[in-house]
Amino acid sequence: MTDSQSSGPMSRSLVRDVEQYLSTKQVSDRIGIPVSTLRYYRSKGIGPESHVQGRARVVYKLSKLQEWLTAQESNQVRGGVA
């Protein structure tokens, strides 16, 4: 196999783009925020990044959810050593 067949830009792109997606219910179960609150956050543009797959299936990239949770944690830190 040549380099272009096994590790060309296309194959690297496909590997990099493989991502786990979660439904609104899965996100709710995972982080303990009610589905209705996640829907409200989505409508206001303040929650974790999401997008629509197909006609109406809202999904969240796991990596973006983790980024959002980290940002929320950073914004809410109280106490500790300064």
PDB file of N, CA and C in Angstrom:
ATOM      1  N   MET A   1       0.834  -1.179   0.000  1.00  0.00           N
ATOM      2  CA  MET A   1       0.000   0.000   0.000  1.00  0.00           C
ATOM      3  C   MET A   1       0.881   1.245   0.000  1.00  0.00           C
ATOM      4  N   THR A   2       0.512   2.221  -0.756  1.00  0.00           N
ATOM      5  CA  THR A   2       1.300   3.438  -0.788  1.00  0.00           C
ATOM      6  C   THR A   2       0.850   4.374   0.313  1.00  0.00           C
ATOM      7  N   ASP A   3       1.659   5.381   0.553  1.00  0.00           N
ATOM      8  CA  ASP A   3       1.333   6.368   1.574  1.00  0.00           C
ATOM      9  C   ASP A   3      -0.011   7.036   1.332  1.00  0.00           C
ATOM     10  N   SER A   4      -0.295   7.353   0.071  1.00  0.00           N
ATOM     11  CA  SER A   4      -1.539   8.050  -0.235  1.00  0.00           C
ATOM     12  C   SER A   4      -2.756   7.164  -0.007  1.00  0.00           C
ATOM     13  N   GLN A   5      -2.601   5.844  -0.096  1.00  0.00           N
ATOM     14  CA  GLN A   5      -3.726   4.946   0.121  1.00  0.00           C
ATOM     15  C   GLN A   5      -4.010   4.738   1.600  1.00  0.00           C
ATOM     16  N   SER A   6      -2.983   4.668   2.415  1.00  0.00           N
ATOM     17  CA  SER A   6      -3.185   4.331   3.814  1.00  0.00           C
ATOM     18  C   SER A   6      -3.288   5.530   4.746  1.00  0.00           C
ATOM     19  N   SER A   7      -2.622   6.608   4.398  1.00  0.00           N
ATOM     20  CA  SER A   7      -2.639   7.725   5.348  1.00  0.00           C
ATOM     21  C   SER A   7      -2.743   9.063   4.636  1.00  0.00           C
ATOM     22  N   GLY A   8      -3.424   9.080   3.526  1.00  0.00           N
ATOM     23  CA  GLY A   8      -3.600  10.327   2.791  1.00  0.00           C
ATOM     24  C   GLY A   8      -4.486  11.283   3.544  1.00  0.00           C
ATOM     25  N   PRO A   9      -4.623  12.485   3.025  1.00  0.00           N
ATOM     26  CA  PRO A   9      -5.435  13.494   3.699  1.00  0.00           C
ATOM     27  C   PRO A   9      -6.871  13.048   3.940  1.00  0.00           C
ATOM     28  N   MET A  10      -7.428  12.281   2.991  1.00  0.00           N
ATOM     29  CA  MET A  10      -8.805  11.825   3.134  1.00  0.00           C
ATOM     30  C   MET A  10      -8.964  10.878   4.315  1.00  0.00           C
ATOM     31  N   SER A  11      -8.074   9.878   4.429  1.00  0.00           N
ATOM     32  CA  SER A  11      -8.201   8.913   5.516  1.00  0.00           C
ATOM     33  C   SER A  11      -7.908   9.560   6.865  1.00  0.00           C
ATOM     34  N   ARG A  12      -6.938  10.454   6.935  1.00  0.00           N
ATOM     35  CA  ARG A  12      -6.668  11.169   8.191  1.00  0.00           C
ATOM     36  C   ARG A  12      -7.864  12.006   8.586  1.00  0.00           C
ATOM     37  N   SER A  13      -8.506  12.634   7.622  1.00  0.00           N
ATOM     38  CA  SER A  13      -9.682  13.448   7.883  1.00  0.00           C
ATOM     39  C   SER A  13     -10.820  12.599   8.430  1.00  0.00           C
ATOM     40  N   LEU A  14     -11.035  11.420   7.841  1.00  0.00           N
ATOM     41  CA  LEU A  14     -12.106  10.552   8.306  1.00  0.00           C
ATOM     42  C   LEU A  14     -11.859  10.071   9.728  1.00  0.00           C
ATOM     43  N   VAL A  15     -10.638   9.710  10.040  1.00  0.00           N
ATOM     44  CA  VAL A  15     -10.305   9.252  11.386  1.00  0.00           C
ATOM     45  C   VAL A  15     -10.491  10.386  12.392  1.00  0.00           C
ATOM     46  N   ARG A  16     -10.042  11.572  12.031  1.00  0.00           N
ATOM     47  CA  ARG A  16     -10.153  12.714  12.929  1.00  0.00           C
ATOM     48  C   ARG A  16     -11.612  13.100  13.165  1.00  0.00           C
ATOM     49  N   ASP A  17     -12.461  12.922  12.147  1.00  0.00           N
ATOM     50  CA  ASP A  17     -13.844  13.343  12.240  1.00  0.00           C
ATOM     51  C   ASP A  17     -14.755  12.340  12.936  1.00  0.00           C
ATOM     52  N   VAL A  18     -14.230  11.148  13.255  1.00  0.00           N
ATOM     53  CA  VAL A  18     -15.056  10.183  13.964  1.00  0.00           C
ATOM     54  C   VAL A  18     -15.310  10.738  15.357  1.00  0.00           C
ATOM     55  N   GLU A  19     -16.570  10.872  15.682  1.00  0.00           N
ATOM     56  CA  GLU A  19     -16.950  11.529  16.936  1.00  0.00           C
ATOM     57  C   GLU A  19     -18.175  10.822  17.491  1.00  0.00           C
ATOM     58  N   GLN A  20     -18.246  10.769  18.799  1.00  0.00           N
ATOM     59  CA  GLN A  20     -19.429  10.186  19.424  1.00  0.00           C
ATOM     60  C   GLN A  20     -20.471  11.285  19.599  1.00  0.00           C
ATOM     61  N   TYR A  21     -21.692  10.974  19.184  1.00  0.00           N
ATOM     62  CA  TYR A  21     -22.802  11.906  19.323  1.00  0.00           C
ATOM     63  C   TYR A  21     -23.784  11.380  20.354  1.00  0.00           C
ATOM     64  N   LEU A  22     -24.354  12.285  21.118  1.00  0.00           N
ATOM     65  CA  LEU A  22     -25.326  11.921  22.147  1.00  0.00           C
ATOM     66  C   LEU A  22     -26.649  12.610  21.865  1.00  0.00           C
ATOM     67  N   SER A  23     -27.743  11.933  22.175  1.00  0.00           N
ATOM     68  CA  SER A  23     -29.061  12.542  22.066  1.00  0.00           C
ATOM     69  C   SER A  23     -29.280  13.461  23.273  1.00  0.00           C
ATOM     70  N   THR A  24     -30.329  14.250  23.208  1.00  0.00           N
ATOM     71  CA  THR A  24     -30.657  15.134  24.334  1.00  0.00           C
ATOM     72  C   THR A  24     -30.897  14.317  25.598  1.00  0.00           C
ATOM     73  N   LYS A  25     -31.587  13.189  25.472  1.00  0.00           N
ATOM     74  CA  LYS A  25     -31.854  12.316  26.628  1.00  0.00           C
ATOM     75  C   LYS A  25     -30.553  11.750  27.195  1.00  0.00           C
ATOM     76  N   GLN A  26     -29.648  11.340  26.332  1.00  0.00           N
ATOM     77  CA  GLN A  26     -28.366  10.806  26.805  1.00  0.00           C
ATOM     78  C   GLN A  26     -27.565  11.876  27.538  1.00  0.00           C
ATOM     79  N   VAL A  27     -27.575  13.094  27.023  1.00  0.00           N
ATOM     80  CA  VAL A  27     -26.876  14.193  27.693  1.00  0.00           C
ATOM     81  C   VAL A  27     -27.516  14.441  29.052  1.00  0.00           C
ATOM     82  N   SER A  28     -28.834  14.474  29.080  1.00  0.00           N
ATOM     83  CA  SER A  28     -29.555  14.685  30.335  1.00  0.00           C
ATOM     84  C   SER A  28     -29.179  13.632  31.375  1.00  0.00           C
ATOM     85  N   ASP A  29     -29.191  12.379  30.963  1.00  0.00           N
ATOM     86  CA  ASP A  29     -28.843  11.283  31.883  1.00  0.00           C
ATOM     87  C   ASP A  29     -27.397  11.391  32.354  1.00  0.00           C
ATOM     88  N   ARG A  30     -26.517  11.797  31.454  1.00  0.00           N
ATOM     89  CA  ARG A  30     -25.080  11.844  31.754  1.00  0.00           C
ATOM     90  C   ARG A  30     -24.726  12.971  32.718  1.00  0.00           C
ATOM     91  N   ILE A  31     -25.345  14.152  32.544  1.00  0.00           N
ATOM     92  CA  ILE A  31     -24.920  15.303  33.348  1.00  0.00           C
ATOM     93  C   ILE A  31     -25.960  15.768  34.371  1.00  0.00           C
ATOM     94  N   GLY A  32     -27.144  15.161  34.349  1.00  0.00           N
ATOM     95  CA  GLY A  32     -28.139  15.464  35.375  1.00  0.00           C
ATOM     96  C   GLY A  32     -28.919  16.750  35.166  1.00  0.00           C
ATOM     97  N   ILE A  33     -28.938  17.254  33.957  1.00  0.00           N
ATOM     98  CA  ILE A  33     -29.743  18.433  33.627  1.00  0.00           C
ATOM     99  C   ILE A  33     -30.983  17.934  32.899  1.00  0.00           C
ATOM    100  N   PRO A  34     -32.182  18.332  33.327  1.00  0.00           N
ATOM    101  CA  PRO A  34     -33.400  17.848  32.680  1.00  0.00           C
ATOM    102  C   PRO A  34     -33.436  18.150  31.179  1.00  0.00           C
ATOM    103  N   VAL A  35     -34.086  17.270  30.423  1.00  0.00           N
ATOM    104  CA  VAL A  35     -34.230  17.446  28.978  1.00  0.00           C
ATOM    105  C   VAL A  35     -34.842  18.811  28.672  1.00  0.00           C
ATOM    106  N   SER A  36     -35.851  19.206  29.441  1.00  0.00           N
ATOM    107  CA  SER A  36     -36.518  20.499  29.195  1.00  0.00           C
ATOM    108  C   SER A  36     -35.547  21.668  29.364  1.00  0.00           C
ATOM    109  N   THR A  37     -34.632  21.570  30.313  1.00  0.00           N
ATOM    110  CA  THR A  37     -33.637  22.628  30.513  1.00  0.00           C
ATOM    111  C   THR A  37     -32.659  22.658  29.348  1.00  0.00           C
ATOM    112  N   LEU A  38     -32.249  21.494  28.876  1.00  0.00           N
ATOM    113  CA  LEU A  38     -31.363  21.446  27.714  1.00  0.00           C
ATOM    114  C   LEU A  38     -32.042  22.053  26.496  1.00  0.00           C
ATOM    115  N   ARG A  39     -33.337  21.802  26.318  1.00  0.00           N
ATOM    116  CA  ARG A  39     -34.083  22.407  25.207  1.00  0.00           C
ATOM    117  C   ARG A  39     -34.138  23.928  25.356  1.00  0.00           C
ATOM    118  N   TYR A  40     -34.353  24.387  26.584  1.00  0.00           N
ATOM    119  CA  TYR A  40     -34.382  25.826  26.846  1.00  0.00           C
ATOM    120  C   TYR A  40     -33.013  26.440  26.539  1.00  0.00           C
ATOM    121  N   TYR A  41     -31.953  25.821  27.031  1.00  0.00           N
ATOM    122  CA  TYR A  41     -30.603  26.304  26.749  1.00  0.00           C
ATOM    123  C   TYR A  41     -30.364  26.388  25.247  1.00  0.00           C
ATOM    124  N   ARG A  42     -30.801  25.359  24.516  1.00  0.00           N
ATOM    125  CA  ARG A  42     -30.620  25.348  23.055  1.00  0.00           C
ATOM    126  C   ARG A  42     -31.356  26.523  22.415  1.00  0.00           C
ATOM    127  N   SER A  43     -32.563  26.787  22.873  1.00  0.00           N
ATOM    128  CA  SER A  43     -33.346  27.884  22.292  1.00  0.00           C
ATOM    129  C   SER A  43     -32.714  29.242  22.559  1.00  0.00           C
ATOM    130  N   LYS A  44     -32.018  29.357  23.674  1.00  0.00           N
ATOM    131  CA  LYS A  44     -31.367  30.621  24.050  1.00  0.00           C
ATOM    132  C   LYS A  44     -29.911  30.690  23.598  1.00  0.00           C
ATOM    133  N   GLY A  45     -29.378  29.585  23.102  1.00  0.00           N
ATOM    134  CA  GLY A  45     -27.991  29.562  22.648  1.00  0.00           C
ATOM    135  C   GLY A  45     -26.976  29.607  23.777  1.00  0.00           C
ATOM    136  N   ILE A  46     -27.365  29.095  24.954  1.00  0.00           N
ATOM    137  CA  ILE A  46     -26.473  29.182  26.112  1.00  0.00           C
ATOM    138  C   ILE A  46     -25.970  27.825  26.603  1.00  0.00           C
ATOM    139  N   GLY A  47     -26.454  26.755  26.054  1.00  0.00           N
ATOM    140  CA  GLY A  47     -26.059  25.427  26.517  1.00  0.00           C
ATOM    141  C   GLY A  47     -24.916  24.863  25.710  1.00  0.00           C
ATOM    142  N   PRO A  48     -24.704  23.560  25.856  1.00  0.00           N
ATOM    143  CA  PRO A  48     -23.655  22.912  25.079  1.00  0.00           C
ATOM    144  C   PRO A  48     -23.977  22.966  23.588  1.00  0.00           C
ATOM    145  N   GLU A  49     -22.939  23.022  22.778  1.00  0.00           N
ATOM    146  CA  GLU A  49     -23.104  23.083  21.328  1.00  0.00           C
ATOM    147  C   GLU A  49     -23.827  21.836  20.826  1.00  0.00           C
ATOM    148  N   SER A  50     -24.796  22.055  19.954  1.00  0.00           N
ATOM    149  CA  SER A  50     -25.564  20.947  19.397  1.00  0.00           C
ATOM    150  C   SER A  50     -25.920  21.263  17.956  1.00  0.00           C
ATOM    151  N   HIS A  51     -26.408  20.257  17.251  1.00  0.00           N
ATOM    152  CA  HIS A  51     -26.909  20.483  15.898  1.00  0.00           C
ATOM    153  C   HIS A  51     -27.964  19.440  15.574  1.00  0.00           C
ATOM    154  N   VAL A  52     -28.656  19.667  14.465  1.00  0.00           N
ATOM    155  CA  VAL A  52     -29.729  18.775  14.055  1.00  0.00           C
ATOM    156  C   VAL A  52     -29.204  17.798  13.016  1.00  0.00           C
ATOM    157  N   GLN A  53     -29.482  16.524  13.239  1.00  0.00           N
ATOM    158  CA  GLN A  53     -29.166  15.481  12.260  1.00  0.00           C
ATOM    159  C   GLN A  53     -30.485  15.086  11.606  1.00  0.00           C
ATOM    160  N   GLY A  54     -30.481  15.059  10.299  1.00  0.00           N
ATOM    161  CA  GLY A  54     -31.716  14.725   9.602  1.00  0.00           C
ATOM    162  C   GLY A  54     -32.724  15.844   9.744  1.00  0.00           C
ATOM    163  N   ARG A  55     -33.966  15.495   9.921  1.00  0.00           N
ATOM    164  CA  ARG A  55     -35.024  16.509  10.000  1.00  0.00           C
ATOM    165  C   ARG A  55     -35.178  17.116  11.383  1.00  0.00           C
ATOM    166  N   ALA A  56     -35.043  16.305  12.424  1.00  0.00           N
ATOM    167  CA  ALA A  56     -35.355  16.859  13.736  1.00  0.00           C
ATOM    168  C   ALA A  56     -34.578  16.258  14.893  1.00  0.00           C
ATOM    169  N   ARG A  57     -33.574  15.445  14.639  1.00  0.00           N
ATOM    170  CA  ARG A  57     -32.836  14.800  15.733  1.00  0.00           C
ATOM    171  C   ARG A  57     -31.705  15.706  16.197  1.00  0.00           C
ATOM    172  N   VAL A  58     -31.846  16.234  17.401  1.00  0.00           N
ATOM    173  CA  VAL A  58     -30.809  17.083  17.990  1.00  0.00           C
ATOM    174  C   VAL A  58     -29.750  16.181  18.605  1.00  0.00           C
ATOM    175  N   VAL A  59     -28.491  16.455  18.276  1.00  0.00           N
ATOM    176  CA  VAL A  59     -27.388  15.678  18.821  1.00  0.00           C
ATOM    177  C   VAL A  59     -26.309  16.616  19.356  1.00  0.00           C
ATOM    178  N   TYR A  60     -25.533  16.083  20.280  1.00  0.00           N
ATOM    179  CA  TYR A  60     -24.441  16.809  20.911  1.00  0.00           C
ATOM    180  C   TYR A  60     -23.168  16.003  20.708  1.00  0.00           C
ATOM    181  N   LYS A  61     -22.100  16.662  20.258  1.00  0.00           N
ATOM    182  CA  LYS A  61     -20.805  15.989  20.180  1.00  0.00           C
ATOM    183  C   LYS A  61     -20.291  15.834  21.605  1.00  0.00           C
ATOM    184  N   LEU A  62     -19.809  14.651  21.917  1.00  0.00           N
ATOM    185  CA  LEU A  62     -19.294  14.388  23.257  1.00  0.00           C
ATOM    186  C   LEU A  62     -18.158  15.350  23.597  1.00  0.00           C
ATOM    187  N   SER A  63     -17.272  15.609  22.652  1.00  0.00           N
ATOM    188  CA  SER A  63     -16.140  16.507  22.919  1.00  0.00           C
ATOM    189  C   SER A  63     -16.617  17.927  23.236  1.00  0.00           C
ATOM    190  N   LYS A  64     -17.652  18.396  22.534  1.00  0.00           N
ATOM    191  CA  LYS A  64     -18.179  19.750  22.779  1.00  0.00           C
ATOM    192  C   LYS A  64     -18.903  19.809  24.118  1.00  0.00           C
ATOM    193  N   LEU A  65     -19.578  18.723  24.478  1.00  0.00           N
ATOM    194  CA  LEU A  65     -20.235  18.666  25.783  1.00  0.00           C
ATOM    195  C   LEU A  65     -19.189  18.755  26.890  1.00  0.00           C
ATOM    196  N   GLN A  66     -18.097  18.023  26.736  1.00  0.00           N
ATOM    197  CA  GLN A  66     -17.035  18.066  27.743  1.00  0.00           C
ATOM    198  C   GLN A  66     -16.412  19.459  27.842  1.00  0.00           C
ATOM    199  N   GLU A  67     -16.219  20.113  26.703  1.00  0.00           N
ATOM    200  CA  GLU A  67     -15.693  21.491  26.710  1.00  0.00           C
ATOM    201  C   GLU A  67     -16.634  22.419  27.458  1.00  0.00           C
ATOM    202  N   TRP A  68     -17.923  22.298  27.207  1.00  0.00           N
ATOM    203  CA  TRP A  68     -18.916  23.152  27.858  1.00  0.00           C
ATOM    204  C   TRP A  68     -18.924  22.906  29.367  1.00  0.00           C
ATOM    205  N   LEU A  69     -18.864  21.640  29.765  1.00  0.00           N
ATOM    206  CA  LEU A  69     -18.838  21.320  31.200  1.00  0.00           C
ATOM    207  C   LEU A  69     -17.598  21.890  31.877  1.00  0.00           C
ATOM    208  N   THR A  70     -16.466  21.797  31.209  1.00  0.00           N
ATOM    209  CA  THR A  70     -15.221  22.361  31.753  1.00  0.00           C
ATOM    210  C   THR A  70     -15.340  23.871  31.906  1.00  0.00           C
ATOM    211  N   ALA A  71     -15.911  24.527  30.915  1.00  0.00           N
ATOM    212  CA  ALA A  71     -16.103  25.980  30.989  1.00  0.00           C
ATOM    213  C   ALA A  71     -17.061  26.349  32.121  1.00  0.00           C
ATOM    214  N   GLN A  72     -18.115  25.571  32.302  1.00  0.00           N
ATOM    215  CA  GLN A  72     -19.064  25.833  33.391  1.00  0.00           C
ATOM    216  C   GLN A  72     -18.388  25.683  34.743  1.00  0.00           C
ATOM    217  N   GLU A  73     -17.566  24.657  34.858  1.00  0.00           N
ATOM    218  CA  GLU A  73     -16.846  24.420  36.107  1.00  0.00           C
ATOM    219  C   GLU A  73     -15.891  25.583  36.397  1.00  0.00           C
ATOM    220  N   SER A  74     -15.182  26.037  35.386  1.00  0.00           N
ATOM    221  CA  SER A  74     -14.229  27.144  35.552  1.00  0.00           C
ATOM    222  C   SER A  74     -14.932  28.423  35.984  1.00  0.00           C
ATOM    223  N   ASN A  75     -16.150  28.639  35.488  1.00  0.00           N
ATOM    224  CA  ASN A  75     -16.892  29.850  35.805  1.00  0.00           C
ATOM    225  C   ASN A  75     -17.500  29.812  37.197  1.00  0.00           C
ATOM    226  N   GLN A  76     -17.587  28.651  37.812  1.00  0.00           N
ATOM    227  CA  GLN A  76     -18.280  28.509  39.084  1.00  0.00           C
ATOM    228  C   GLN A  76     -17.369  28.193  40.257  1.00  0.00           C
ATOM    229  N   VAL A  77     -16.062  28.236  40.062  1.00  0.00           N
ATOM    230  CA  VAL A  77     -15.141  27.879  41.140  1.00  0.00           C
ATOM    231  C   VAL A  77     -15.224  28.900  42.262  1.00  0.00           C
ATOM    232  N   ARG A  78     -15.346  28.401  43.469  1.00  0.00           N
ATOM    233  CA  ARG A  78     -15.378  29.242  44.660  1.00  0.00           C
ATOM    234  C   ARG A  78     -14.398  28.688  45.683  1.00  0.00           C
ATOM    235  N   GLY A  79     -13.766  29.552  46.405  1.00  0.00           N
ATOM    236  CA  GLY A  79     -12.866  29.096  47.455  1.00  0.00           C
ATOM    237  C   GLY A  79     -11.549  28.592  46.896  1.00  0.00           C
ATOM    238  N   GLY A  80     -10.856  27.834  47.706  1.00  0.00           N
ATOM    239  CA  GLY A  80      -9.567  27.296  47.294  1.00  0.00           C
ATOM    240  C   GLY A  80      -8.465  28.319  47.501  1.00  0.00           C
ATOM    241  N   VAL A  81      -7.301  28.011  47.012  1.00  0.00           N
ATOM    242  CA  VAL A  81      -6.140  28.873  47.175  1.00  0.00           C
ATOM    243  C   VAL A  81      -6.055  29.828  46.013  1.00  0.00           C
ATOM    244  N   ALA A  82      -5.814  31.100  46.306  1.00  0.00           N
ATOM    245  CA  ALA A  82      -5.735  32.108  45.255  1.00  0.00           C
ATOM    246  C   ALA A  82      -4.320  32.228  44.746  1.00  0.00           C
TER     247      ALA A  82
END
